[in-house]
Amino acid sequence: MLKIVVAFIFGVIIGASGPQYAVLGWYSLIPWGLVAVALGTWGNKREALRSGAIYGFSLSFAFLVAGYTGTRSLVSRFPFFVILALFGAVCGVALSALGYYLKLRFARPPTAI
């Protein structure tokens, strides 16, 4: 449960601050992806995938809400933002799965006593 809460909080903080540094263009995706990979290295496979999905969804949704400057009401845009945030969740799952794979690949085997 703690990992899910941490993933959600990181997603909201990074996503809400995203419009401030979006002038970097696609380079702003690098820290987002690195956090998802780091979440994948934390815990077992199920926790890694779940926290990656929560992180990707909350990051995408917070980024869209924080950067919205349209004339229509923000609430009317929520269904569209949810659909886009689901894509963010898929990306978060993929990157956290990569982090989990890297953890398994490069972790030292336990030593026998």
PDB file of N, CA and C in Angstrom:
ATOM      1  N   MET A   1       0.815  -1.191   0.000  1.00  0.00           N
ATOM      2  CA  MET A   1       0.000   0.000   0.000  1.00  0.00           C
ATOM      3  C   MET A   1       0.862   1.260   0.000  1.00  0.00           C
ATOM      4  N   LEU A   2       1.964   1.216   0.733  1.00  0.00           N
ATOM      5  CA  LEU A   2       2.860   2.358   0.797  1.00  0.00           C
ATOM      6  C   LEU A   2       3.436   2.679  -0.581  1.00  0.00           C
ATOM      7  N   LYS A   3       3.769   1.647  -1.336  1.00  0.00           N
ATOM      8  CA  LYS A   3       4.353   1.865  -2.660  1.00  0.00           C
ATOM      9  C   LYS A   3       3.356   2.518  -3.606  1.00  0.00           C
ATOM     10  N   ILE A   4       2.097   2.167  -3.485  1.00  0.00           N
ATOM     11  CA  ILE A   4       1.068   2.764  -4.326  1.00  0.00           C
ATOM     12  C   ILE A   4       0.881   4.237  -3.963  1.00  0.00           C
ATOM     13  N   VAL A   5       0.875   4.531  -2.685  1.00  0.00           N
ATOM     14  CA  VAL A   5       0.729   5.919  -2.239  1.00  0.00           C
ATOM     15  C   VAL A   5       1.930   6.749  -2.686  1.00  0.00           C
ATOM     16  N   VAL A   6       3.126   6.201  -2.547  1.00  0.00           N
ATOM     17  CA  VAL A   6       4.327   6.914  -2.980  1.00  0.00           C
ATOM     18  C   VAL A   6       4.293   7.145  -4.482  1.00  0.00           C
ATOM     19  N   ALA A   7       3.882   6.136  -5.254  1.00  0.00           N
ATOM     20  CA  ALA A   7       3.792   6.279  -6.712  1.00  0.00           C
ATOM     21  C   ALA A   7       2.779   7.355  -7.081  1.00  0.00           C
ATOM     22  N   PHE A   8       1.646   7.381  -6.393  1.00  0.00           N
ATOM     23  CA  PHE A   8       0.620   8.393  -6.662  1.00  0.00           C
ATOM     24  C   PHE A   8       1.139   9.797  -6.346  1.00  0.00           C
ATOM     25  N   ILE A   9       1.785   9.950  -5.206  1.00  0.00           N
ATOM     26  CA  ILE A   9       2.291  11.266  -4.799  1.00  0.00           C
ATOM     27  C   ILE A   9       3.369  11.751  -5.761  1.00  0.00           C
ATOM     28  N   PHE A  10       4.307  10.872  -6.115  1.00  0.00           N
ATOM     29  CA  PHE A  10       5.333  11.257  -7.086  1.00  0.00           C
ATOM     30  C   PHE A  10       4.707  11.622  -8.428  1.00  0.00           C
ATOM     31  N   GLY A  11       3.727  10.861  -8.862  1.00  0.00           N
ATOM     32  CA  GLY A  11       3.063  11.150 -10.134  1.00  0.00           C
ATOM     33  C   GLY A  11       2.393  12.501 -10.136  1.00  0.00           C
ATOM     34  N   VAL A  12       1.677  12.821  -9.062  1.00  0.00           N
ATOM     35  CA  VAL A  12       0.984  14.108  -8.993  1.00  0.00           C
ATOM     36  C   VAL A  12       1.978  15.267  -8.916  1.00  0.00           C
ATOM     37  N   ILE A  13       3.012  15.127  -8.118  1.00  0.00           N
ATOM     38  CA  ILE A  13       3.986  16.214  -7.978  1.00  0.00           C
ATOM     39  C   ILE A  13       4.722  16.453  -9.295  1.00  0.00           C
ATOM     40  N   ILE A  14       5.214  15.396  -9.906  1.00  0.00           N
ATOM     41  CA  ILE A  14       5.961  15.554 -11.156  1.00  0.00           C
ATOM     42  C   ILE A  14       5.034  15.993 -12.282  1.00  0.00           C
ATOM     43  N   GLY A  15       3.820  15.460 -12.317  1.00  0.00           N
ATOM     44  CA  GLY A  15       2.879  15.841 -13.360  1.00  0.00           C
ATOM     45  C   GLY A  15       2.413  17.276 -13.236  1.00  0.00           C
ATOM     46  N   ALA A  16       2.142  17.723 -12.018  1.00  0.00           N
ATOM     47  CA  ALA A  16       1.676  19.094 -11.820  1.00  0.00           C
ATOM     48  C   ALA A  16       2.779  20.110 -12.091  1.00  0.00           C
ATOM     49  N   SER A  17       4.016  19.732 -11.862  1.00  0.00           N
ATOM     50  CA  SER A  17       5.113  20.653 -12.157  1.00  0.00           C
ATOM     51  C   SER A  17       5.554  20.559 -13.614  1.00  0.00           C
ATOM     52  N   GLY A  18       5.040  19.617 -14.347  1.00  0.00           N
ATOM     53  CA  GLY A  18       5.429  19.409 -15.741  1.00  0.00           C
ATOM     54  C   GLY A  18       5.236  20.585 -16.661  1.00  0.00           C
ATOM     55  N   PRO A  19       4.110  21.305 -16.599  1.00  0.00           N
ATOM     56  CA  PRO A  19       3.967  22.454 -17.505  1.00  0.00           C
ATOM     57  C   PRO A  19       5.014  23.541 -17.285  1.00  0.00           C
ATOM     58  N   GLN A  20       5.658  23.547 -16.131  1.00  0.00           N
ATOM     59  CA  GLN A  20       6.682  24.557 -15.856  1.00  0.00           C
ATOM     60  C   GLN A  20       7.963  24.280 -16.632  1.00  0.00           C
ATOM     61  N   TYR A  21       8.263  23.008 -16.852  1.00  0.00           N
ATOM     62  CA  TYR A  21       9.477  22.689 -17.589  1.00  0.00           C
ATOM     63  C   TYR A  21       9.187  21.983 -18.912  1.00  0.00           C
ATOM     64  N   ALA A  22       7.983  22.104 -19.418  1.00  0.00           N
ATOM     65  CA  ALA A  22       7.629  21.499 -20.700  1.00  0.00           C
ATOM     66  C   ALA A  22       8.326  22.188 -21.870  1.00  0.00           C
ATOM     67  N   VAL A  23       8.949  23.339 -21.625  1.00  0.00           N
ATOM     68  CA  VAL A  23       9.685  24.020 -22.683  1.00  0.00           C
ATOM     69  C   VAL A  23      10.891  23.198 -23.128  1.00  0.00           C
ATOM     70  N   LEU A  24      11.248  22.192 -22.349  1.00  0.00           N
ATOM     71  CA  LEU A  24      12.348  21.321 -22.732  1.00  0.00           C
ATOM     72  C   LEU A  24      11.969  20.383 -23.873  1.00  0.00           C
ATOM     73  N   GLY A  25      10.691  20.347 -24.201  1.00  0.00           N
ATOM     74  CA  GLY A  25      10.238  19.464 -25.277  1.00  0.00           C
ATOM     75  C   GLY A  25      10.191  18.024 -24.813  1.00  0.00           C
ATOM     76  N   TRP A  26      10.582  17.133 -25.689  1.00  0.00           N
ATOM     77  CA  TRP A  26      10.490  15.718 -25.357  1.00  0.00           C
ATOM     78  C   TRP A  26      11.515  15.308 -24.311  1.00  0.00           C
ATOM     79  N   TYR A  27      12.512  16.142 -24.046  1.00  0.00           N
ATOM     80  CA  TYR A  27      13.488  15.826 -22.997  1.00  0.00           C
ATOM     81  C   TYR A  27      12.847  15.777 -21.613  1.00  0.00           C
ATOM     82  N   SER A  28      11.694  16.414 -21.460  1.00  0.00           N
ATOM     83  CA  SER A  28      11.020  16.369 -20.167  1.00  0.00           C
ATOM     84  C   SER A  28      10.490  14.975 -19.859  1.00  0.00           C
ATOM     85  N   LEU A  29      10.426  14.108 -20.856  1.00  0.00           N
ATOM     86  CA  LEU A  29       9.978  12.735 -20.628  1.00  0.00           C
ATOM     87  C   LEU A  29      11.038  11.881 -19.940  1.00  0.00           C
ATOM     88  N   ILE A  30      12.283  12.291 -20.014  1.00  0.00           N
ATOM     89  CA  ILE A  30      13.369  11.488 -19.444  1.00  0.00           C
ATOM     90  C   ILE A  30      13.228  11.324 -17.928  1.00  0.00           C
ATOM     91  N   PRO A  31      13.052  12.404 -17.147  1.00  0.00           N
ATOM     92  CA  PRO A  31      12.890  12.169 -15.701  1.00  0.00           C
ATOM     93  C   PRO A  31      11.612  11.404 -15.371  1.00  0.00           C
ATOM     94  N   TRP A  32      10.558  11.596 -16.172  1.00  0.00           N
ATOM     95  CA  TRP A  32       9.322  10.843 -15.934  1.00  0.00           C
ATOM     96  C   TRP A  32       9.584   9.350 -16.084  1.00  0.00           C
ATOM     97  N   GLY A  33      10.281   8.982 -17.130  1.00  0.00           N
ATOM     98  CA  GLY A  33      10.581   7.573 -17.367  1.00  0.00           C
ATOM     99  C   GLY A  33      11.532   6.989 -16.346  1.00  0.00           C
ATOM    100  N   LEU A  34      12.504   7.770 -15.917  1.00  0.00           N
ATOM    101  CA  LEU A  34      13.450   7.269 -14.924  1.00  0.00           C
ATOM    102  C   LEU A  34      12.769   6.975 -13.594  1.00  0.00           C
ATOM    103  N   VAL A  35      11.809   7.795 -13.217  1.00  0.00           N
ATOM    104  CA  VAL A  35      11.071   7.534 -11.979  1.00  0.00           C
ATOM    105  C   VAL A  35      10.255   6.244 -12.124  1.00  0.00           C
ATOM    106  N   ALA A  36       9.650   6.015 -13.279  1.00  0.00           N
ATOM    107  CA  ALA A  36       8.884   4.785 -13.487  1.00  0.00           C
ATOM    108  C   ALA A  36       9.793   3.564 -13.444  1.00  0.00           C
ATOM    109  N   VAL A  37      10.979   3.655 -14.020  1.00  0.00           N
ATOM    110  CA  VAL A  37      11.930   2.543 -13.968  1.00  0.00           C
ATOM    111  C   VAL A  37      12.362   2.303 -12.524  1.00  0.00           C
ATOM    112  N   ALA A  38      12.595   3.378 -11.772  1.00  0.00           N
ATOM    113  CA  ALA A  38      12.985   3.231 -10.363  1.00  0.00           C
ATOM    114  C   ALA A  38      11.869   2.587  -9.551  1.00  0.00           C
ATOM    115  N   LEU A  39      10.623   2.932  -9.840  1.00  0.00           N
ATOM    116  CA  LEU A  39       9.510   2.292  -9.139  1.00  0.00           C
ATOM    117  C   LEU A  39       9.448   0.802  -9.448  1.00  0.00           C
ATOM    118  N   GLY A  40       9.847   0.421 -10.654  1.00  0.00           N
ATOM    119  CA  GLY A  40       9.856  -0.986 -11.019  1.00  0.00           C
ATOM    120  C   GLY A  40      10.889  -1.803 -10.278  1.00  0.00           C
ATOM    121  N   THR A  41      11.936  -1.154  -9.815  1.00  0.00           N
ATOM    122  CA  THR A  41      12.962  -1.889  -9.069  1.00  0.00           C
ATOM    123  C   THR A  41      12.607  -2.057  -7.594  1.00  0.00           C
ATOM    124  N   TRP A  42      11.508  -1.477  -7.190  1.00  0.00           N
ATOM    125  CA  TRP A  42      11.130  -1.451  -5.778  1.00  0.00           C
ATOM    126  C   TRP A  42       9.977  -2.413  -5.547  1.00  0.00           C
ATOM    127  N   GLY A  43      10.268  -3.584  -5.030  1.00  0.00           N
ATOM    128  CA  GLY A  43       9.219  -4.534  -4.698  1.00  0.00           C
ATOM    129  C   GLY A  43       9.172  -5.708  -5.652  1.00  0.00           C
ATOM    130  N   ASN A  44       8.120  -6.516  -5.490  1.00  0.00           N
ATOM    131  CA  ASN A  44       7.962  -7.679  -6.357  1.00  0.00           C
ATOM    132  C   ASN A  44       7.281  -7.274  -7.663  1.00  0.00           C
ATOM    133  N   LYS A  45       7.036  -8.267  -8.518  1.00  0.00           N
ATOM    134  CA  LYS A  45       6.521  -7.980  -9.852  1.00  0.00           C
ATOM    135  C   LYS A  45       5.148  -7.318  -9.816  1.00  0.00           C
ATOM    136  N   ARG A  46       4.257  -7.834  -9.005  1.00  0.00           N
ATOM    137  CA  ARG A  46       2.907  -7.277  -8.934  1.00  0.00           C
ATOM    138  C   ARG A  46       2.918  -5.842  -8.408  1.00  0.00           C
ATOM    139  N   GLU A  47       3.704  -5.591  -7.377  1.00  0.00           N
ATOM    140  CA  GLU A  47       3.806  -4.234  -6.834  1.00  0.00           C
ATOM    141  C   GLU A  47       4.426  -3.282  -7.841  1.00  0.00           C
ATOM    142  N   ALA A  48       5.418  -3.759  -8.581  1.00  0.00           N
ATOM    143  CA  ALA A  48       6.080  -2.913  -9.571  1.00  0.00           C
ATOM    144  C   ALA A  48       5.102  -2.509 -10.670  1.00  0.00           C
ATOM    145  N   LEU A  49       4.328  -3.452 -11.172  1.00  0.00           N
ATOM    146  CA  LEU A  49       3.385  -3.140 -12.240  1.00  0.00           C
ATOM    147  C   LEU A  49       2.251  -2.248 -11.742  1.00  0.00           C
ATOM    148  N   ARG A  50       1.766  -2.522 -10.549  1.00  0.00           N
ATOM    149  CA  ARG A  50       0.679  -1.713  -9.989  1.00  0.00           C
ATOM    150  C   ARG A  50       1.139  -0.285  -9.710  1.00  0.00           C
ATOM    151  N   SER A  51       2.313  -0.130  -9.122  1.00  0.00           N
ATOM    152  CA  SER A  51       2.799   1.213  -8.841  1.00  0.00           C
ATOM    153  C   SER A  51       3.137   1.953 -10.132  1.00  0.00           C
ATOM    154  N   GLY A  52       3.596   1.246 -11.158  1.00  0.00           N
ATOM    155  CA  GLY A  52       3.845   1.877 -12.451  1.00  0.00           C
ATOM    156  C   GLY A  52       2.569   2.396 -13.089  1.00  0.00           C
ATOM    157  N   ALA A  53       1.490   1.620 -12.976  1.00  0.00           N
ATOM    158  CA  ALA A  53       0.209   2.061 -13.531  1.00  0.00           C
ATOM    159  C   ALA A  53      -0.333   3.274 -12.786  1.00  0.00           C
ATOM    160  N   ILE A  54      -0.265   3.240 -11.473  1.00  0.00           N
ATOM    161  CA  ILE A  54      -0.746   4.364 -10.673  1.00  0.00           C
ATOM    162  C   ILE A  54       0.099   5.606 -10.950  1.00  0.00           C
ATOM    163  N   TYR A  55       1.394   5.423 -11.025  1.00  0.00           N
ATOM    164  CA  TYR A  55       2.291   6.543 -11.301  1.00  0.00           C
ATOM    165  C   TYR A  55       2.007   7.151 -12.676  1.00  0.00           C
ATOM    166  N   GLY A  56       1.907   6.324 -13.696  1.00  0.00           N
ATOM    167  CA  GLY A  56       1.672   6.828 -15.045  1.00  0.00           C
ATOM    168  C   GLY A  56       0.338   7.536 -15.178  1.00  0.00           C
ATOM    169  N   PHE A  57      -0.701   6.972 -14.563  1.00  0.00           N
ATOM    170  CA  PHE A  57      -2.021   7.596 -14.634  1.00  0.00           C
ATOM    171  C   PHE A  57      -2.033   8.933 -13.907  1.00  0.00           C
ATOM    172  N   SER A  58      -1.529   8.947 -12.673  1.00  0.00           N
ATOM    173  CA  SER A  58      -1.570  10.193 -11.891  1.00  0.00           C
ATOM    174  C   SER A  58      -0.680  11.266 -12.499  1.00  0.00           C
ATOM    175  N   LEU A  59       0.464  10.890 -13.043  1.00  0.00           N
ATOM    176  CA  LEU A  59       1.339  11.858 -13.686  1.00  0.00           C
ATOM    177  C   LEU A  59       0.657  12.463 -14.906  1.00  0.00           C
ATOM    178  N   SER A  60       0.109  11.634 -15.768  1.00  0.00           N
ATOM    179  CA  SER A  60      -0.528  12.138 -16.983  1.00  0.00           C
ATOM    180  C   SER A  60      -1.732  13.018 -16.663  1.00  0.00           C
ATOM    181  N   PHE A  61      -2.568  12.564 -15.742  1.00  0.00           N
ATOM    182  CA  PHE A  61      -3.764  13.327 -15.404  1.00  0.00           C
ATOM    183  C   PHE A  61      -3.402  14.665 -14.765  1.00  0.00           C
ATOM    184  N   ALA A  62      -2.437  14.655 -13.848  1.00  0.00           N
ATOM    185  CA  ALA A  62      -2.022  15.903 -13.190  1.00  0.00           C
ATOM    186  C   ALA A  62      -1.375  16.855 -14.198  1.00  0.00           C
ATOM    187  N   PHE A  63      -0.610  16.327 -15.135  1.00  0.00           N
ATOM    188  CA  PHE A  63       0.004  17.160 -16.156  1.00  0.00           C
ATOM    189  C   PHE A  63      -1.053  17.824 -17.031  1.00  0.00           C
ATOM    190  N   LEU A  64      -2.059  17.061 -17.433  1.00  0.00           N
ATOM    191  CA  LEU A  64      -3.108  17.613 -18.284  1.00  0.00           C
ATOM    192  C   LEU A  64      -3.946  18.661 -17.545  1.00  0.00           C
ATOM    193  N   VAL A  65      -4.268  18.391 -16.295  1.00  0.00           N
ATOM    194  CA  VAL A  65      -5.075  19.341 -15.523  1.00  0.00           C
ATOM    195  C   VAL A  65      -4.279  20.614 -15.234  1.00  0.00           C
ATOM    196  N   ALA A  66      -3.004  20.469 -14.851  1.00  0.00           N
ATOM    197  CA  ALA A  66      -2.195  21.641 -14.515  1.00  0.00           C
ATOM    198  C   ALA A  66      -1.896  22.502 -15.735  1.00  0.00           C
ATOM    199  N   GLY A  67      -1.807  21.887 -16.892  1.00  0.00           N
ATOM    200  CA  GLY A  67      -1.472  22.643 -18.086  1.00  0.00           C
ATOM    201  C   GLY A  67      -2.662  23.100 -18.906  1.00  0.00           C
ATOM    202  N   TYR A  68      -3.879  22.840 -18.439  1.00  0.00           N
ATOM    203  CA  TYR A  68      -5.063  23.188 -19.214  1.00  0.00           C
ATOM    204  C   TYR A  68      -5.303  24.695 -19.172  1.00  0.00           C
ATOM    205  N   THR A  69      -5.416  25.292 -20.350  1.00  0.00           N
ATOM    206  CA  THR A  69      -5.671  26.728 -20.442  1.00  0.00           C
ATOM    207  C   THR A  69      -6.799  27.025 -21.424  1.00  0.00           C
ATOM    208  N   GLY A  70      -7.663  26.060 -21.644  1.00  0.00           N
ATOM    209  CA  GLY A  70      -8.740  26.228 -22.610  1.00  0.00           C
ATOM    210  C   GLY A  70      -9.866  27.121 -22.108  1.00  0.00           C
ATOM    211  N   THR A  71     -10.792  27.427 -23.012  1.00  0.00           N
ATOM    212  CA  THR A  71     -11.923  28.278 -22.651  1.00  0.00           C
ATOM    213  C   THR A  71     -13.074  27.469 -22.070  1.00  0.00           C
ATOM    214  N   ARG A  72     -13.186  26.199 -22.445  1.00  0.00           N
ATOM    215  CA  ARG A  72     -14.233  25.360 -21.872  1.00  0.00           C
ATOM    216  C   ARG A  72     -13.877  25.020 -20.423  1.00  0.00           C
ATOM    217  N   SER A  73     -14.875  24.620 -19.667  1.00  0.00           N
ATOM    218  CA  SER A  73     -14.624  24.312 -18.262  1.00  0.00           C
ATOM    219  C   SER A  73     -13.726  23.081 -18.137  1.00  0.00           C
ATOM    220  N   LEU A  74     -12.943  23.065 -17.088  1.00  0.00           N
ATOM    221  CA  LEU A  74     -12.019  21.969 -16.859  1.00  0.00           C
ATOM    222  C   LEU A  74     -12.766  20.658 -16.643  1.00  0.00           C
ATOM    223  N   VAL A  75     -13.896  20.707 -15.982  1.00  0.00           N
ATOM    224  CA  VAL A  75     -14.668  19.493 -15.703  1.00  0.00           C
ATOM    225  C   VAL A  75     -15.152  18.845 -16.997  1.00  0.00           C
ATOM    226  N   SER A  76     -15.452  19.641 -18.010  1.00  0.00           N
ATOM    227  CA  SER A  76     -15.907  19.073 -19.277  1.00  0.00           C
ATOM    228  C   SER A  76     -14.783  18.351 -20.010  1.00  0.00           C
ATOM    229  N   ARG A  77     -13.561  18.610 -19.659  1.00  0.00           N
ATOM    230  CA  ARG A  77     -12.406  17.960 -20.281  1.00  0.00           C
ATOM    231  C   ARG A  77     -11.990  16.690 -19.553  1.00  0.00           C
ATOM    232  N   PHE A  78     -12.524  16.412 -18.359  1.00  0.00           N
ATOM    233  CA  PHE A  78     -12.107  15.259 -17.573  1.00  0.00           C
ATOM    234  C   PHE A  78     -12.218  13.925 -18.309  1.00  0.00           C
ATOM    235  N   PRO A  79     -13.314  13.612 -19.020  1.00  0.00           N
ATOM    236  CA  PRO A  79     -13.353  12.317 -19.712  1.00  0.00           C
ATOM    237  C   PRO A  79     -12.215  12.151 -20.726  1.00  0.00           C
ATOM    238  N   PHE A  80     -11.914  13.182 -21.460  1.00  0.00           N
ATOM    239  CA  PHE A  80     -10.807  13.118 -22.413  1.00  0.00           C
ATOM    240  C   PHE A  80      -9.477  12.965 -21.687  1.00  0.00           C
ATOM    241  N   PHE A  81      -9.306  13.679 -20.581  1.00  0.00           N
ATOM    242  CA  PHE A  81      -8.075  13.574 -19.804  1.00  0.00           C
ATOM    243  C   PHE A  81      -7.904  12.168 -19.234  1.00  0.00           C
ATOM    244  N   VAL A  82      -9.007  11.539 -18.830  1.00  0.00           N
ATOM    245  CA  VAL A  82      -8.934  10.178 -18.287  1.00  0.00           C
ATOM    246  C   VAL A  82      -8.467   9.207 -19.367  1.00  0.00           C
ATOM    247  N   ILE A  83      -8.973   9.371 -20.579  1.00  0.00           N
ATOM    248  CA  ILE A  83      -8.556   8.487 -21.675  1.00  0.00           C
ATOM    249  C   ILE A  83      -7.063   8.647 -21.951  1.00  0.00           C
ATOM    250  N   LEU A  84      -6.597   9.875 -21.988  1.00  0.00           N
ATOM    251  CA  LEU A  84      -5.162  10.096 -22.197  1.00  0.00           C
ATOM    252  C   LEU A  84      -4.333   9.591 -21.020  1.00  0.00           C
ATOM    253  N   ALA A  85      -4.858   9.729 -19.819  1.00  0.00           N
ATOM    254  CA  ALA A  85      -4.136   9.260 -18.643  1.00  0.00           C
ATOM    255  C   ALA A  85      -4.058   7.733 -18.614  1.00  0.00           C
ATOM    256  N   LEU A  86      -5.028   7.049 -19.199  1.00  0.00           N
ATOM    257  CA  LEU A  86      -4.947   5.591 -19.300  1.00  0.00           C
ATOM    258  C   LEU A  86      -3.773   5.181 -20.184  1.00  0.00           C
ATOM    259  N   PHE A  87      -3.518   5.954 -21.229  1.00  0.00           N
ATOM    260  CA  PHE A  87      -2.319   5.705 -22.031  1.00  0.00           C
ATOM    261  C   PHE A  87      -1.062   5.931 -21.188  1.00  0.00           C
ATOM    262  N   GLY A  88      -1.075   6.946 -20.343  1.00  0.00           N
ATOM    263  CA  GLY A  88       0.044   7.175 -19.434  1.00  0.00           C
ATOM    264  C   GLY A  88       0.241   6.006 -18.474  1.00  0.00           C
ATOM    265  N   ALA A  89      -0.866   5.383 -18.050  1.00  0.00           N
ATOM    266  CA  ALA A  89      -0.773   4.224 -17.165  1.00  0.00           C
ATOM    267  C   ALA A  89      -0.114   3.053 -17.889  1.00  0.00           C
ATOM    268  N   VAL A  90      -0.450   2.866 -19.152  1.00  0.00           N
ATOM    269  CA  VAL A  90       0.172   1.786 -19.939  1.00  0.00           C
ATOM    270  C   VAL A  90       1.670   2.034 -20.069  1.00  0.00           C
ATOM    271  N   CYS A  91       2.050   3.264 -20.334  1.00  0.00           N
ATOM    272  CA  CYS A  91       3.471   3.607 -20.417  1.00  0.00           C
ATOM    273  C   CYS A  91       4.170   3.405 -19.071  1.00  0.00           C
ATOM    274  N   GLY A  92       3.496   3.756 -17.982  1.00  0.00           N
ATOM    275  CA  GLY A  92       4.058   3.541 -16.654  1.00  0.00           C
ATOM    276  C   GLY A  92       4.263   2.068 -16.349  1.00  0.00           C
ATOM    277  N   VAL A  93       3.320   1.235 -16.763  1.00  0.00           N
ATOM    278  CA  VAL A  93       3.460  -0.211 -16.573  1.00  0.00           C
ATOM    279  C   VAL A  93       4.646  -0.735 -17.373  1.00  0.00           C
ATOM    280  N   ALA A  94       4.770  -0.286 -18.614  1.00  0.00           N
ATOM    281  CA  ALA A  94       5.873  -0.755 -19.455  1.00  0.00           C
ATOM    282  C   ALA A  94       7.231  -0.380 -18.869  1.00  0.00           C
ATOM    283  N   LEU A  95       7.356   0.847 -18.400  1.00  0.00           N
ATOM    284  CA  LEU A  95       8.644   1.288 -17.859  1.00  0.00           C
ATOM    285  C   LEU A  95       8.940   0.676 -16.494  1.00  0.00           C
ATOM    286  N   SER A  96       7.924   0.456 -15.691  1.00  0.00           N
ATOM    287  CA  SER A  96       8.176  -0.204 -14.414  1.00  0.00           C
ATOM    288  C   SER A  96       8.494  -1.686 -14.625  1.00  0.00           C
ATOM    289  N   ALA A  97       7.908  -2.293 -15.655  1.00  0.00           N
ATOM    290  CA  ALA A  97       8.272  -3.677 -15.991  1.00  0.00           C
ATOM    291  C   ALA A  97       9.734  -3.739 -16.433  1.00  0.00           C
ATOM    292  N   LEU A  98      10.176  -2.727 -17.175  1.00  0.00           N
ATOM    293  CA  LEU A  98      11.587  -2.657 -17.552  1.00  0.00           C
ATOM    294  C   LEU A  98      12.462  -2.542 -16.312  1.00  0.00           C
ATOM    295  N   GLY A  99      12.057  -1.720 -15.359  1.00  0.00           N
ATOM    296  CA  GLY A  99      12.818  -1.599 -14.121  1.00  0.00           C
ATOM    297  C   GLY A  99      12.870  -2.901 -13.345  1.00  0.00           C
ATOM    298  N   TYR A 100      11.762  -3.621 -13.311  1.00  0.00           N
ATOM    299  CA  TYR A 100      11.733  -4.910 -12.619  1.00  0.00           C
ATOM    300  C   TYR A 100      12.646  -5.909 -13.326  1.00  0.00           C
ATOM    301  N   TYR A 101      12.605  -5.915 -14.657  1.00  0.00           N
ATOM    302  CA  TYR A 101      13.476  -6.804 -15.415  1.00  0.00           C
ATOM    303  C   TYR A 101      14.946  -6.477 -15.154  1.00  0.00           C
ATOM    304  N   LEU A 102      15.277  -5.192 -15.148  1.00  0.00           N
ATOM    305  CA  LEU A 102      16.666  -4.800 -14.889  1.00  0.00           C
ATOM    306  C   LEU A 102      17.107  -5.199 -13.486  1.00  0.00           C
ATOM    307  N   LYS A 103      16.188  -5.115 -12.542  1.00  0.00           N
ATOM    308  CA  LYS A 103      16.510  -5.536 -11.171  1.00  0.00           C
ATOM    309  C   LYS A 103      16.832  -7.023 -11.146  1.00  0.00           C
ATOM    310  N   LEU A 104      16.024  -7.823 -11.823  1.00  0.00           N
ATOM    311  CA  LEU A 104      16.278  -9.256 -11.854  1.00  0.00           C
ATOM    312  C   LEU A 104      17.557  -9.590 -12.614  1.00  0.00           C
ATOM    313  N   ARG A 105      17.808  -8.858 -13.652  1.00  0.00           N
ATOM    314  CA  ARG A 105      18.959  -9.143 -14.512  1.00  0.00           C
ATOM    315  C   ARG A 105      20.284  -8.802 -13.849  1.00  0.00           C
ATOM    316  N   PHE A 106      20.343  -7.703 -13.129  1.00  0.00           N
ATOM    317  CA  PHE A 106      21.601  -7.222 -12.602  1.00  0.00           C
ATOM    318  C   PHE A 106      21.761  -7.358 -11.087  1.00  0.00           C
ATOM    319  N   ALA A 107      20.792  -7.931 -10.416  1.00  0.00           N
ATOM    320  CA  ALA A 107      20.909  -8.121  -8.966  1.00  0.00           C
ATOM    321  C   ALA A 107      21.880  -9.255  -8.691  1.00  0.00           C
ATOM    322  N   ARG A 108      22.641  -9.073  -7.641  1.00  0.00           N
ATOM    323  CA  ARG A 108      23.572 -10.129  -7.247  1.00  0.00           C
ATOM    324  C   ARG A 108      22.794 -11.260  -6.594  1.00  0.00           C
ATOM    325  N   PRO A 109      23.166 -12.490  -6.885  1.00  0.00           N
ATOM    326  CA  PRO A 109      22.475 -13.616  -6.231  1.00  0.00           C
ATOM    327  C   PRO A 109      22.814 -13.632  -4.737  1.00  0.00           C
ATOM    328  N   PRO A 110      21.862 -14.113  -3.934  1.00  0.00           N
ATOM    329  CA  PRO A 110      22.131 -14.151  -2.481  1.00  0.00           C
ATOM    330  C   PRO A 110      23.290 -15.116  -2.189  1.00  0.00           C
ATOM    331  N   THR A 111      24.096 -14.743  -1.222  1.00  0.00           N
ATOM    332  CA  THR A 111      25.241 -15.576  -0.862  1.00  0.00           C
ATOM    333  C   THR A 111      24.817 -16.602   0.173  1.00  0.00           C
ATOM    334  N   ALA A 112      25.365 -17.800   0.036  1.00  0.00           N
ATOM    335  CA  ALA A 112      25.079 -18.863   1.000  1.00  0.00           C
ATOM    336  C   ALA A 112      25.999 -18.720   2.190  1.00  0.00           C
ATOM    337  N   ILE A 113      25.460 -19.024   3.341  1.00  0.00           N
ATOM    338  CA  ILE A 113      26.263 -18.905   4.575  1.00  0.00           C
ATOM    339  C   ILE A 113      26.897 -20.212   4.900  1.00  0.00           C
TER     340      ILE A 113
END
